[in-house]
């Protein structure tokens, strides 16, 4: 469990360091083209009412957005959002060890 948390923290740190040059260049232009947001949420182990055992969750998410203008007029925003949920289960219920998700979005204002 601790190894997973460390690898996720390393992933987020590496992602932020890779994006710093792009953010610095956009800051000179007074317009931020890249946006990042990440979090890790830990839920302490909870006892189950009907049976012995506990379930513990750790969820992490990274949101990366890139803003640009097509033909110097049409604002477009691309967003990617990978998610990871680690499940530590000591109950008799058969739960997966982890869940992963990925979403992507393209939006514009007309």
N, C-alpha and C. Protein backbone atom coordinates (compact mmCIF):
# COMPACT_ATOMS: atom_id res chain seq x y z
N UNK A 1 0.83 -1.19 0.00
CA UNK A 1 0.00 0.00 0.00
C UNK A 1 0.87 1.25 0.00
N UNK A 2 1.90 1.28 0.85
CA UNK A 2 2.75 2.46 0.91
C UNK A 2 3.54 2.63 -0.38
N UNK A 3 3.93 1.53 -1.02
CA UNK A 3 4.65 1.60 -2.28
C UNK A 3 3.79 2.22 -3.37
N UNK A 4 2.49 1.90 -3.38
CA UNK A 4 1.57 2.47 -4.36
C UNK A 4 1.44 3.96 -4.15
N UNK A 5 1.29 4.39 -2.88
CA UNK A 5 1.16 5.82 -2.59
C UNK A 5 2.41 6.57 -3.01
N UNK A 6 3.59 5.98 -2.77
CA UNK A 6 4.83 6.64 -3.16
C UNK A 6 4.96 6.74 -4.66
N UNK A 7 4.56 5.69 -5.39
CA UNK A 7 4.66 5.74 -6.84
C UNK A 7 3.68 6.75 -7.42
N UNK A 8 2.49 6.86 -6.82
CA UNK A 8 1.53 7.86 -7.28
C UNK A 8 2.02 9.27 -7.00
N UNK A 9 2.61 9.48 -5.83
CA UNK A 9 3.16 10.79 -5.50
C UNK A 9 4.28 11.15 -6.47
N UNK A 10 5.12 10.17 -6.78
CA UNK A 10 6.19 10.39 -7.74
C UNK A 10 5.65 10.73 -9.12
N UNK A 11 4.57 10.06 -9.52
CA UNK A 11 3.94 10.34 -10.81
C UNK A 11 3.45 11.78 -10.87
N UNK A 12 2.77 12.24 -9.82
CA UNK A 12 2.24 13.60 -9.81
C UNK A 12 3.37 14.64 -9.78
N UNK A 13 4.42 14.36 -9.02
CA UNK A 13 5.56 15.28 -8.96
C UNK A 13 6.25 15.36 -10.32
N UNK A 14 6.47 14.21 -10.96
CA UNK A 14 7.10 14.19 -12.28
C UNK A 14 6.24 14.92 -13.30
N UNK A 15 4.92 14.73 -13.24
CA UNK A 15 4.02 15.42 -14.16
C UNK A 15 4.11 16.93 -13.99
N UNK A 16 4.14 17.38 -12.74
CA UNK A 16 4.22 18.82 -12.49
C UNK A 16 5.54 19.39 -12.97
N UNK A 17 6.66 18.67 -12.75
CA UNK A 17 7.96 19.15 -13.19
C UNK A 17 8.07 19.22 -14.71
N UNK A 18 7.43 18.29 -15.40
CA UNK A 18 7.46 18.30 -16.87
C UNK A 18 6.66 19.46 -17.43
N UNK A 19 5.66 19.93 -16.71
CA UNK A 19 4.80 21.00 -17.20
C UNK A 19 5.31 22.38 -16.84
N UNK A 20 6.30 22.50 -15.94
CA UNK A 20 6.79 23.81 -15.52
C UNK A 20 7.34 24.65 -16.68
N UNK A 21 8.15 24.12 -17.60
CA UNK A 21 8.63 24.97 -18.70
C UNK A 21 7.49 25.52 -19.55
N UNK A 22 6.47 24.73 -19.81
CA UNK A 22 5.34 25.21 -20.60
C UNK A 22 4.57 26.30 -19.86
N UNK A 23 4.41 26.16 -18.54
CA UNK A 23 3.72 27.18 -17.75
C UNK A 23 4.53 28.48 -17.71
N UNK A 24 5.85 28.37 -17.61
CA UNK A 24 6.69 29.57 -17.56
C UNK A 24 6.61 30.34 -18.87
N UNK A 25 6.60 29.63 -19.98
CA UNK A 25 6.50 30.30 -21.28
C UNK A 25 5.15 30.99 -21.42
N UNK A 26 4.06 30.34 -20.98
CA UNK A 26 2.73 30.93 -21.06
C UNK A 26 2.62 32.14 -20.14
N UNK A 27 3.32 32.12 -18.99
CA UNK A 27 3.24 33.23 -18.05
C UNK A 27 3.83 34.50 -18.67
N UNK A 28 4.85 34.35 -19.52
CA UNK A 28 5.41 35.52 -20.18
C UNK A 28 4.41 36.16 -21.13
N UNK A 29 3.50 35.36 -21.65
CA UNK A 29 2.49 35.87 -22.57
C UNK A 29 1.23 36.34 -21.84
N UNK A 30 1.21 36.29 -20.51
CA UNK A 30 0.06 36.66 -19.68
C UNK A 30 -1.17 35.80 -19.97
N UNK A 31 -0.96 34.58 -20.40
CA UNK A 31 -2.08 33.68 -20.67
C UNK A 31 -1.62 32.25 -20.38
N UNK A 32 -2.21 31.61 -19.37
CA UNK A 32 -1.81 30.26 -19.01
C UNK A 32 -2.52 29.27 -19.92
N UNK A 33 -1.76 28.52 -20.69
CA UNK A 33 -2.33 27.54 -21.61
C UNK A 33 -2.50 26.19 -20.94
N UNK A 34 -1.72 25.90 -19.90
CA UNK A 34 -1.77 24.61 -19.21
C UNK A 34 -2.33 24.79 -17.81
N UNK A 35 -3.18 23.87 -17.41
CA UNK A 35 -3.71 23.85 -16.05
C UNK A 35 -3.60 22.43 -15.52
N UNK A 36 -3.14 22.28 -14.29
CA UNK A 36 -3.09 20.97 -13.66
C UNK A 36 -3.70 21.04 -12.27
N UNK A 37 -4.30 19.94 -11.88
CA UNK A 37 -4.88 19.82 -10.56
C UNK A 37 -4.79 18.35 -10.17
N UNK A 38 -4.33 18.06 -8.98
CA UNK A 38 -4.24 16.67 -8.54
C UNK A 38 -4.59 16.58 -7.07
N UNK A 39 -5.03 15.40 -6.68
CA UNK A 39 -5.28 15.18 -5.27
C UNK A 39 -5.19 13.69 -4.96
N UNK A 40 -4.95 13.40 -3.70
CA UNK A 40 -4.99 12.05 -3.17
C UNK A 40 -5.88 12.09 -1.94
N UNK A 41 -6.88 11.25 -1.90
CA UNK A 41 -7.83 11.21 -0.78
C UNK A 41 -7.77 9.83 -0.14
N UNK A 42 -7.57 9.81 1.17
CA UNK A 42 -7.47 8.57 1.93
C UNK A 42 -8.70 8.44 2.81
N UNK A 43 -9.33 7.27 2.77
CA UNK A 43 -10.45 6.98 3.65
C UNK A 43 -10.00 5.88 4.61
N UNK A 44 -10.02 6.17 5.89
CA UNK A 44 -9.57 5.21 6.89
C UNK A 44 -10.43 3.95 6.84
N UNK A 45 -9.85 2.84 7.30
CA UNK A 45 -10.57 1.57 7.29
C UNK A 45 -11.87 1.63 8.07
N UNK A 46 -12.91 1.11 7.50
CA UNK A 46 -14.23 1.08 8.14
C UNK A 46 -14.65 -0.35 8.38
N UNK A 47 -15.23 -0.60 9.52
CA UNK A 47 -15.75 -1.93 9.83
C UNK A 47 -17.06 -2.14 9.09
N UNK A 48 -17.31 -3.38 8.74
CA UNK A 48 -18.57 -3.75 8.08
C UNK A 48 -19.55 -4.22 9.14
N UNK A 49 -20.83 -3.94 8.96
CA UNK A 49 -21.84 -4.29 9.97
C UNK A 49 -22.17 -5.78 9.95
N UNK A 50 -22.31 -6.38 8.78
CA UNK A 50 -22.81 -7.75 8.69
C UNK A 50 -21.73 -8.81 8.83
N UNK A 51 -20.44 -8.43 8.76
CA UNK A 51 -19.38 -9.44 8.80
C UNK A 51 -18.08 -8.83 9.31
N UNK A 52 -17.15 -9.66 9.73
CA UNK A 52 -15.87 -9.13 10.21
C UNK A 52 -15.01 -8.64 9.04
N UNK A 53 -14.15 -7.71 9.34
CA UNK A 53 -13.24 -7.19 8.33
C UNK A 53 -13.41 -5.69 8.13
N UNK A 54 -12.49 -5.10 7.38
CA UNK A 54 -12.52 -3.67 7.10
C UNK A 54 -12.25 -3.41 5.63
N UNK A 55 -12.69 -2.24 5.17
CA UNK A 55 -12.42 -1.80 3.81
C UNK A 55 -11.78 -0.41 3.91
N UNK A 56 -10.69 -0.22 3.20
CA UNK A 56 -9.95 1.04 3.22
C UNK A 56 -9.73 1.49 1.78
N UNK A 57 -9.96 2.78 1.48
CA UNK A 57 -9.83 3.30 0.13
C UNK A 57 -8.80 4.41 0.06
N UNK A 58 -8.04 4.44 -1.03
CA UNK A 58 -7.16 5.56 -1.36
C UNK A 58 -7.44 5.92 -2.81
N UNK A 59 -7.81 7.17 -3.04
CA UNK A 59 -8.17 7.60 -4.39
C UNK A 59 -7.24 8.73 -4.82
N UNK A 60 -6.77 8.67 -6.04
CA UNK A 60 -5.94 9.74 -6.58
C UNK A 60 -6.44 10.11 -7.97
N UNK A 61 -6.27 11.38 -8.28
CA UNK A 61 -6.76 11.88 -9.57
C UNK A 61 -5.86 13.02 -10.03
N UNK A 62 -5.64 13.09 -11.32
CA UNK A 62 -4.88 14.17 -11.94
C UNK A 62 -5.73 14.75 -13.04
N UNK A 63 -5.86 16.06 -13.08
CA UNK A 63 -6.64 16.73 -14.11
C UNK A 63 -5.69 17.66 -14.87
N UNK A 64 -5.53 17.45 -16.16
CA UNK A 64 -4.66 18.29 -16.98
C UNK A 64 -5.49 18.90 -18.10
N UNK A 65 -5.40 20.23 -18.25
CA UNK A 65 -6.13 20.94 -19.29
C UNK A 65 -5.16 21.77 -20.12
N UNK A 66 -5.46 21.86 -21.41
CA UNK A 66 -4.66 22.68 -22.32
C UNK A 66 -5.62 23.58 -23.10
N UNK A 67 -5.40 24.89 -23.01
CA UNK A 67 -6.24 25.87 -23.71
C UNK A 67 -5.52 26.39 -24.94
N UNK A 68 -6.24 26.53 -26.03
CA UNK A 68 -5.67 27.11 -27.24
C UNK A 68 -6.77 27.80 -28.03
N UNK A 69 -6.36 28.56 -29.03
CA UNK A 69 -7.31 29.23 -29.91
C UNK A 69 -7.08 28.75 -31.34
N UNK A 70 -8.12 28.17 -31.93
CA UNK A 70 -8.04 27.75 -33.32
C UNK A 70 -8.26 28.95 -34.22
N UNK A 71 -7.45 29.06 -35.22
CA UNK A 71 -7.53 30.18 -36.18
C UNK A 71 -7.50 31.53 -35.47
N UNK A 72 -6.82 31.58 -34.31
CA UNK A 72 -6.69 32.79 -33.49
C UNK A 72 -8.01 33.38 -33.04
N UNK A 73 -9.09 32.60 -33.03
CA UNK A 73 -10.40 33.11 -32.62
C UNK A 73 -11.19 32.15 -31.73
N UNK A 74 -11.26 30.89 -32.10
CA UNK A 74 -12.13 29.93 -31.42
C UNK A 74 -11.40 29.30 -30.22
N UNK A 75 -11.82 29.61 -28.97
CA UNK A 75 -11.16 29.01 -27.80
C UNK A 75 -11.55 27.53 -27.65
N UNK A 76 -10.55 26.69 -27.50
CA UNK A 76 -10.77 25.25 -27.34
C UNK A 76 -9.99 24.80 -26.10
N UNK A 77 -10.62 23.93 -25.31
CA UNK A 77 -9.99 23.41 -24.11
C UNK A 77 -10.00 21.88 -24.17
N UNK A 78 -8.80 21.27 -24.13
CA UNK A 78 -8.65 19.82 -24.08
C UNK A 78 -8.34 19.44 -22.65
N UNK A 79 -9.02 18.41 -22.14
CA UNK A 79 -8.82 17.97 -20.77
C UNK A 79 -8.67 16.45 -20.73
N UNK A 80 -7.70 15.97 -19.96
CA UNK A 80 -7.57 14.53 -19.69
C UNK A 80 -7.57 14.35 -18.18
N UNK A 81 -8.14 13.23 -17.75
CA UNK A 81 -8.34 13.02 -16.32
C UNK A 81 -8.15 11.54 -15.97
N UNK A 82 -6.92 11.10 -15.64
CA UNK A 82 -6.74 9.72 -15.17
C UNK A 82 -7.07 9.62 -13.68
N UNK A 83 -7.65 8.48 -13.29
CA UNK A 83 -8.03 8.25 -11.90
C UNK A 83 -7.55 6.86 -11.46
N UNK A 84 -7.27 6.72 -10.17
CA UNK A 84 -6.85 5.45 -9.61
C UNK A 84 -7.44 5.31 -8.21
N UNK A 85 -8.06 4.17 -7.92
CA UNK A 85 -8.61 3.88 -6.59
C UNK A 85 -7.99 2.57 -6.10
N UNK A 86 -7.31 2.64 -4.96
CA UNK A 86 -6.73 1.45 -4.35
C UNK A 86 -7.69 0.97 -3.26
N UNK A 87 -8.00 -0.32 -3.25
CA UNK A 87 -8.94 -0.89 -2.28
C UNK A 87 -8.19 -1.91 -1.44
N UNK A 88 -8.12 -1.65 -0.13
CA UNK A 88 -7.51 -2.59 0.81
C UNK A 88 -8.65 -3.25 1.56
N UNK A 89 -8.90 -4.52 1.29
CA UNK A 89 -10.07 -5.21 1.79
C UNK A 89 -9.66 -6.41 2.63
N UNK A 90 -10.15 -6.47 3.88
CA UNK A 90 -9.88 -7.63 4.73
C UNK A 90 -11.18 -8.36 5.08
N UNK A 91 -12.24 -8.10 4.33
CA UNK A 91 -13.52 -8.75 4.60
C UNK A 91 -13.68 -9.96 3.65
N UNK A 92 -14.77 -10.69 3.85
CA UNK A 92 -15.05 -11.86 3.01
C UNK A 92 -15.62 -11.47 1.65
N UNK A 93 -16.02 -10.23 1.48
CA UNK A 93 -16.57 -9.76 0.22
C UNK A 93 -15.44 -9.68 -0.81
N UNK A 94 -15.67 -10.21 -1.99
CA UNK A 94 -14.66 -10.22 -3.04
C UNK A 94 -14.68 -8.89 -3.79
N UNK A 95 -13.72 -8.01 -3.46
CA UNK A 95 -13.59 -6.71 -4.12
C UNK A 95 -12.30 -6.68 -4.92
N UNK A 96 -12.25 -5.92 -6.01
CA UNK A 96 -10.99 -5.81 -6.76
C UNK A 96 -9.95 -5.05 -5.94
N UNK A 97 -8.68 -5.28 -6.24
CA UNK A 97 -7.59 -4.62 -5.50
C UNK A 97 -7.47 -3.16 -5.88
N UNK A 98 -7.86 -2.80 -7.10
CA UNK A 98 -7.79 -1.41 -7.54
C UNK A 98 -8.75 -1.18 -8.70
N UNK A 99 -9.08 0.08 -8.91
CA UNK A 99 -9.91 0.51 -10.03
C UNK A 99 -9.17 1.63 -10.75
N UNK A 100 -9.24 1.65 -12.05
CA UNK A 100 -8.62 2.73 -12.82
C UNK A 100 -9.67 3.33 -13.75
N UNK A 101 -9.48 4.60 -14.04
CA UNK A 101 -10.40 5.28 -14.94
C UNK A 101 -9.65 6.34 -15.73
N UNK A 102 -10.20 6.69 -16.87
CA UNK A 102 -9.62 7.72 -17.71
C UNK A 102 -10.74 8.40 -18.46
N UNK A 103 -10.72 9.72 -18.47
CA UNK A 103 -11.70 10.47 -19.25
C UNK A 103 -11.00 11.58 -20.00
N UNK A 104 -11.56 11.96 -21.12
CA UNK A 104 -11.03 13.05 -21.93
C UNK A 104 -12.19 13.93 -22.36
N UNK A 105 -11.92 15.21 -22.54
CA UNK A 105 -12.97 16.17 -22.85
C UNK A 105 -12.42 17.24 -23.79
N UNK A 106 -13.25 17.67 -24.71
CA UNK A 106 -12.93 18.80 -25.59
C UNK A 106 -14.12 19.74 -25.50
N UNK A 107 -13.85 21.02 -25.16
CA UNK A 107 -14.96 21.97 -25.07
C UNK A 107 -14.58 23.28 -25.76
N UNK A 108 -15.60 23.95 -26.23
CA UNK A 108 -15.42 25.24 -26.87
C UNK A 108 -16.63 26.12 -26.60
N UNK A 109 -16.45 27.41 -26.72
CA UNK A 109 -17.54 28.37 -26.55
C UNK A 109 -17.76 29.05 -27.89
N UNK A 110 -18.98 28.96 -28.38
CA UNK A 110 -19.30 29.59 -29.68
C UNK A 110 -19.91 30.96 -29.48
